[in-house]
């Protein structure tokens, strides 16, 4: 039953991400966190599924990719992932544990939610500056991806730009995220002692499910106007930010 729930969820969430560019990964992460008790395992498996989900979106929207944006993000992500490895190494020695899977990383979610709301509603409007911006985006994503899992909402505000149409947003955001998801694999293998091959019975049907969902979502995206897409994009981002903040606070209170 749990496997069926995950397959259906992966299909629906990949369709959502293909339509509005995000949200699916966070929803899937939440469902997986309920069904799978180990936090590090949730993030590790979620990363593989999202790697294929974002990879599929990148492929089907490949004509809308902006190489300069992706290359800038790639450079920043490499630095960020390297820094996250150093942070994990420090934590392992600080907590005196043999593997990072014994440490709970859950502190960044409310901070990310607050940051998103600030970016959307409180930040002073400035003239867009594209110079090397996505190096910073990649850096931030590379650092936080290992600890949070779904960083789509974190980087999404940077894609709300006049020079990016809805297809550009979907393609380039997916292209950026696949970089960090691939980069997380060796980190989880080395620091968390995670064996991906042991979980192929879970991963294979979910990967197939997100592939089908993405292709259906692409067809639905074509029916949305630019104005409607951006409205849904911003609205969804706001809901996710509130969920990240309140979800952790309610957990602490309870």
Foldseek 3Di string as FASTA:
>chain_A
DLLVVLLVLLLQLLLVCLQQVDDSLVSSLVSLCVVDVQNLVSLLLSLLLLLLSLVLLLVVLVVLEDVVLLVLLLLLLVLQLVVLLVVLVVVCVVVVHPFSSVDAQQPCLLVLLVVLCCLQPVDDDDDDDDPSPNSNVSNVCNNCCSRHRDCLLSSLSVQPDPVAFSSNSNNHSSSSSSSSSVSCNVSCCPRVVDDPVVCVVSNVSSSVSSSNSSVVSNVVNVVDDRVRSVVCNSVSSNVSSVCSNVVVVVVVVD
